[in-house]
C-alpha atoms as a PDB file:
ATOM      1  CA  UNK A   1     -12.495  -0.273  14.247  1.00  0.00           C
ATOM      2  CA  UNK A   2     -11.922  -3.917  15.824  1.00  0.00           C
ATOM      3  CA  UNK A   3      -9.194  -3.640  18.248  1.00  0.00           C
ATOM      4  CA  UNK A   4      -8.377  -7.472  17.507  1.00  0.00           C
ATOM      5  CA  UNK A   5      -6.150  -6.324  14.330  1.00  0.00           C
ATOM      6  CA  UNK A   6      -3.510  -4.327  13.534  1.00  0.00           C
ATOM      7  CA  UNK A   7      -4.426  -0.110  12.876  1.00  0.00           C
ATOM      8  CA  UNK A   8      -2.400   1.265  10.557  1.00  0.00           C
ATOM      9  CA  UNK A   9      -1.676   5.215  10.408  1.00  0.00           C
ATOM     10  CA  UNK A  10      -0.334   7.294   7.751  1.00  0.00           C
ATOM     11  CA  UNK A  11       0.484  10.960   7.336  1.00  0.00           C
ATOM     12  CA  UNK A  12      -0.603  12.311   4.015  1.00  0.00           C
ATOM     13  CA  UNK A  13      -0.117  16.268   2.940  1.00  0.00           C
ATOM     14  CA  UNK A  14      -3.000  18.698   2.666  1.00  0.00           C
ATOM     15  CA  UNK A  15      -4.924  18.772   0.781  1.00  0.00           C
ATOM     16  CA  UNK A  16      -4.731  14.708   0.820  1.00  0.00           C
ATOM     17  CA  UNK A  17      -7.714  13.635   2.182  1.00  0.00           C
ATOM     18  CA  UNK A  18      -9.034  10.369   4.479  1.00  0.00           C
ATOM     19  CA  UNK A  19     -11.776   8.729   1.914  1.00  0.00           C
ATOM     20  CA  UNK A  20     -13.747   5.844   2.228  1.00  0.00           C
ATOM     21  CA  UNK A  21     -13.325   2.630   0.505  1.00  0.00           C
ATOM     22  CA  UNK A  22     -14.712  -0.637   1.203  1.00  0.00           C
ATOM     23  CA  UNK A  23     -12.555  -3.434   2.099  1.00  0.00           C
ATOM     24  CA  UNK A  24     -10.125  -0.815   2.761  1.00  0.00           C
ATOM     25  CA  UNK A  25      -8.417  -0.616   6.754  1.00  0.00           C
ATOM     26  CA  UNK A  26      -7.785   3.147   5.513  1.00  0.00           C
ATOM     27  CA  UNK A  27      -7.295   5.058   2.386  1.00  0.00           C
ATOM     28  CA  UNK A  28      -6.306   9.026   1.612  1.00  0.00           C
ATOM     29  CA  UNK A  29      -6.529  10.631  -1.658  1.00  0.00           C
ATOM     30  CA  UNK A  30      -5.778  13.933  -3.220  1.00  0.00           C
ATOM     31  CA  UNK A  31      -8.559  16.480  -4.009  1.00  0.00           C
ATOM     32  CA  UNK A  32     -10.625  15.317  -7.248  1.00  0.00           C
ATOM     33  CA  UNK A  33      -9.916  16.810 -10.097  1.00  0.00           C
ATOM     34  CA  UNK A  34     -12.988  16.273 -13.042  1.00  0.00           C
ATOM     35  CA  UNK A  35     -11.796  13.642 -15.716  1.00  0.00           C
ATOM     36  CA  UNK A  36      -8.233  12.864 -13.688  1.00  0.00           C
ATOM     37  CA  UNK A  37      -8.047   9.921 -12.025  1.00  0.00           C
ATOM     38  CA  UNK A  38      -7.285  10.848  -8.182  1.00  0.00           C
ATOM     39  CA  UNK A  39      -3.916   9.518  -6.549  1.00  0.00           C
ATOM     40  CA  UNK A  40      -4.561   7.900  -3.568  1.00  0.00           C
ATOM     41  CA  UNK A  41      -2.958   5.549  -0.787  1.00  0.00           C
ATOM     42  CA  UNK A  42      -4.825   2.497   0.480  1.00  0.00           C
ATOM     43  CA  UNK A  43      -4.110   0.467   3.464  1.00  0.00           C
ATOM     44  CA  UNK A  44      -5.683  -3.329   3.717  1.00  0.00           C
ATOM     45  CA  UNK A  45      -4.942  -5.813   6.289  1.00  0.00           C
ATOM     46  CA  UNK A  46      -5.963  -9.511   5.696  1.00  0.00           C
ATOM     47  CA  UNK A  47      -5.979 -11.830   8.298  1.00  0.00           C
ATOM     48  CA  UNK A  48      -5.188 -15.679   7.872  1.00  0.00           C
ATOM     49  CA  UNK A  49      -5.296 -18.422  10.213  1.00  0.00           C
ATOM     50  CA  UNK A  50      -1.770 -19.981  10.990  1.00  0.00           C
ATOM     51  CA  UNK A  51       1.992 -18.537  10.594  1.00  0.00           C
ATOM     52  CA  UNK A  52       2.422 -16.935   6.782  1.00  0.00           C
ATOM     53  CA  UNK A  53       6.244 -16.747   5.982  1.00  0.00           C
ATOM     54  CA  UNK A  54       6.772 -13.243   4.458  1.00  0.00           C
ATOM     55  CA  UNK A  55       8.397 -14.871   1.301  1.00  0.00           C
ATOM     56  CA  UNK A  56       5.110 -16.544   0.042  1.00  0.00           C
ATOM     57  CA  UNK A  57       3.517 -13.220   0.643  1.00  0.00           C
ATOM     58  CA  UNK A  58       6.248 -11.375  -1.577  1.00  0.00           C
ATOM     59  CA  UNK A  59       5.944 -13.864  -4.192  1.00  0.00           C
ATOM     60  CA  UNK A  60       2.240 -13.555  -4.158  1.00  0.00           C
ATOM     61  CA  UNK A  61       2.515 -10.011  -4.807  1.00  0.00           C
ATOM     62  CA  UNK A  62       4.645 -10.144  -7.173  1.00  0.00           C
ATOM     63  CA  UNK A  63       2.727 -12.455  -9.198  1.00  0.00           C
ATOM     64  CA  UNK A  64      -0.561 -10.467  -8.610  1.00  0.00           C
ATOM     65  CA  UNK A  65       1.154  -7.615 -10.367  1.00  0.00           C
ATOM     66  CA  UNK A  66       2.359  -9.344 -13.064  1.00  0.00           C
ATOM     67  CA  UNK A  67      -1.264 -10.104 -14.034  1.00  0.00           C
ATOM     68  CA  UNK A  68      -2.001  -6.332 -14.506  1.00  0.00           C
ATOM     69  CA  UNK A  69      -2.420  -5.406 -18.231  1.00  0.00           C
ATOM     70  CA  UNK A  70       0.837  -4.535 -19.980  1.00  0.00           C
ATOM     71  CA  UNK A  71       2.297  -4.538 -16.833  1.00  0.00           C
ATOM     72  CA  UNK A  72       5.896  -2.942 -16.543  1.00  0.00           C
ATOM     73  CA  UNK A  73       8.097  -2.954 -13.366  1.00  0.00           C
ATOM     74  CA  UNK A  74      10.269   0.121 -12.490  1.00  0.00           C
ATOM     75  CA  UNK A  75      11.479  -1.499  -9.358  1.00  0.00           C
ATOM     76  CA  UNK A  76      11.774  -3.864  -6.513  1.00  0.00           C
ATOM     77  CA  UNK A  77      13.339  -3.544  -2.958  1.00  0.00           C
ATOM     78  CA  UNK A  78      13.134  -5.096   0.692  1.00  0.00           C
ATOM     79  CA  UNK A  79      12.082  -2.101   2.851  1.00  0.00           C
ATOM     80  CA  UNK A  80      11.223  -1.893   6.241  1.00  0.00           C
ATOM     81  CA  UNK A  81       7.436  -1.353   6.871  1.00  0.00           C
ATOM     82  CA  UNK A  82       5.602  -1.131  10.187  1.00  0.00           C
ATOM     83  CA  UNK A  83       8.687  -1.812  12.218  1.00  0.00           C
ATOM     84  CA  UNK A  84       9.839  -5.381  10.378  1.00  0.00           C
ATOM     85  CA  UNK A  85      10.455  -6.647   7.228  1.00  0.00           C
ATOM     86  CA  UNK A  86       8.396  -5.325   3.737  1.00  0.00           C
ATOM     87  CA  UNK A  87       9.096  -5.415   0.459  1.00  0.00           C
ATOM     88  CA  UNK A  88       7.714  -2.514  -2.163  1.00  0.00           C
ATOM     89  CA  UNK A  89       7.327  -3.245  -5.759  1.00  0.00           C
ATOM     90  CA  UNK A  90       6.975  -0.236  -8.001  1.00  0.00           C
ATOM     91  CA  UNK A  91       5.292  -0.754 -11.773  1.00  0.00           C
ATOM     92  CA  UNK A  92       2.752   0.639 -14.338  1.00  0.00           C
ATOM     93  CA  UNK A  93       0.095  -0.957 -15.984  1.00  0.00           C
ATOM     94  CA  UNK A  94      -2.593  -0.231 -18.583  1.00  0.00           C
ATOM     95  CA  UNK A  95      -6.221   0.606 -17.222  1.00  0.00           C
ATOM     96  CA  UNK A  96      -8.481  -0.191 -19.741  1.00  0.00           C
ATOM     97  CA  UNK A  97     -10.300   2.810 -18.887  1.00  0.00           C
ATOM     98  CA  UNK A  98      -7.899   5.225 -17.318  1.00  0.00           C
ATOM     99  CA  UNK A  99      -4.875   4.688 -19.246  1.00  0.00           C
ATOM    100  CA  UNK A 100      -1.473   3.959 -18.183  1.00  0.00           C
ATOM    101  CA  UNK A 101      -1.377   3.912 -13.975  1.00  0.00           C
ATOM    102  CA  UNK A 102       1.811   4.007 -11.603  1.00  0.00           C
ATOM    103  CA  UNK A 103       1.486   1.647  -9.088  1.00  0.00           C
ATOM    104  CA  UNK A 104       3.453   1.281  -5.855  1.00  0.00           C
ATOM    105  CA  UNK A 105       2.845  -1.822  -3.698  1.00  0.00           C
ATOM    106  CA  UNK A 106       4.426  -2.782  -0.002  1.00  0.00           C
ATOM    107  CA  UNK A 107       3.410  -5.414   1.818  1.00  0.00           C
ATOM    108  CA  UNK A 108       4.342  -6.891   5.050  1.00  0.00           C
ATOM    109  CA  UNK A 109       3.330  -9.638   7.516  1.00  0.00           C
ATOM    110  CA  UNK A 110       2.035  -9.090  11.273  1.00  0.00           C
ATOM    111  CA  UNK A 111       1.873 -12.047  13.462  1.00  0.00           C
ATOM    112  CA  UNK A 112      -0.639 -11.853  15.632  1.00  0.00           C
ATOM    113  CA  UNK A 113      -1.149 -15.369  17.851  1.00  0.00           C
ATOM    114  CA  UNK A 114      -2.880 -17.842  15.953  1.00  0.00           C
ATOM    115  CA  UNK A 115      -3.220 -15.461  13.065  1.00  0.00           C
ATOM    116  CA  UNK A 116      -0.836 -13.561  10.568  1.00  0.00           C
ATOM    117  CA  UNK A 117      -1.877 -10.191   9.138  1.00  0.00           C
ATOM    118  CA  UNK A 118      -0.999  -9.586   5.419  1.00  0.00           C
ATOM    119  CA  UNK A 119      -0.802  -5.773   5.271  1.00  0.00           C
ATOM    120  CA  UNK A 120      -0.573  -3.908   2.131  1.00  0.00           C
ATOM    121  CA  UNK A 121      -0.176  -0.600   1.379  1.00  0.00           C
ATOM    122  CA  UNK A 122      -0.532   0.479  -2.235  1.00  0.00           C
ATOM    123  CA  UNK A 123      -0.077   4.130  -3.578  1.00  0.00           C
ATOM    124  CA  UNK A 124      -1.189   4.755  -7.010  1.00  0.00           C
ATOM    125  CA  UNK A 125      -1.256   7.825  -9.706  1.00  0.00           C
ATOM    126  CA  UNK A 126      -1.694   8.386 -13.825  1.00  0.00           C
ATOM    127  CA  UNK A 127       1.574   8.257 -15.783  1.00  0.00           C
ATOM    128  CA  UNK A 128       0.974  12.091 -16.446  1.00  0.00           C
ATOM    129  CA  UNK A 129       1.493  13.031 -13.100  1.00  0.00           C
ATOM    130  CA  UNK A 130       4.216  10.696 -12.004  1.00  0.00           C
ATOM    131  CA  UNK A 131       6.972  12.887 -11.368  1.00  0.00           C
ATOM    132  CA  UNK A 132       4.728  15.315  -8.737  1.00  0.00           C
ATOM    133  CA  UNK A 133       2.842  12.427  -7.436  1.00  0.00           C
ATOM    134  CA  UNK A 134       5.267   9.473  -7.032  1.00  0.00           C
ATOM    135  CA  UNK A 135       7.433  11.320  -4.150  1.00  0.00           C
ATOM    136  CA  UNK A 136       4.317  12.052  -2.360  1.00  0.00           C
ATOM    137  CA  UNK A 137       3.168   8.346  -2.385  1.00  0.00           C
ATOM    138  CA  UNK A 138       6.363   7.578  -1.215  1.00  0.00           C
ATOM    139  CA  UNK A 139       6.504   9.480   1.344  1.00  0.00           C
ATOM    140  CA  UNK A 140       2.948   8.855   2.580  1.00  0.00           C
ATOM    141  CA  UNK A 141       3.827   4.667   2.636  1.00  0.00           C
ATOM    142  CA  UNK A 142       7.336   5.535   4.485  1.00  0.00           C
ATOM    143  CA  UNK A 143       5.041   7.325   7.269  1.00  0.00           C
ATOM    144  CA  UNK A 144       3.199   4.365   7.664  1.00  0.00           C
ATOM    145  CA  UNK A 145       2.784   3.677  11.559  1.00  0.00           C
ATOM    146  CA  UNK A 146       0.774   0.703  13.833  1.00  0.00           C
ATOM    147  CA  UNK A 147      -0.247   0.990  17.151  1.00  0.00           C
ATOM    148  CA  UNK A 148       1.945  -2.485  17.825  1.00  0.00           C
ATOM    149  CA  UNK A 149       4.701  -2.042  20.474  1.00  0.00           C
ATOM    150  CA  UNK A 150       7.028  -4.013  17.969  1.00  0.00           C
ATOM    151  CA  UNK A 151       6.535  -0.879  15.700  1.00  0.00           C
ATOM    152  CA  UNK A 152       9.636   1.402  16.479  1.00  0.00           C
ATOM    153  CA  UNK A 153       7.988   4.217  15.012  1.00  0.00           C
ATOM    154  CA  UNK A 154       4.576   3.812  16.762  1.00  0.00           C
ATOM    155  CA  UNK A 155       3.165   6.750  18.106  1.00  0.00           C
END
């Protein structure tokens, strides 16, 4: 892992586990069940040159969600994420092969000198598992911490 960017950590319950995922800073998932969608939470960090306004990131994230097939927003709200301002969107959409999926997307920005890092934490599960898995996904996202001194919850 490169020390030049933010590191994000989450607490996932047993028996969730860290899983490899290309392009992700971190991914955790519930145990695999044959023939079923695997609930997961994925952290991505995208560095961008210069100062990127938080509001622009929120608007962009909202637009991307609206582009998902048959996306239905459940809710959205301002939150604290990684010790700073964040925003959470929750909704469902129709995946062509997997059926209806719940998705929670939380975003924030981390200014790092000449670079702004866009941090996205996305949790998803099948609609049929939403009653049991959405609270777990929310808890995992809420547990997100960084190695930055400004993160009041940093460990």
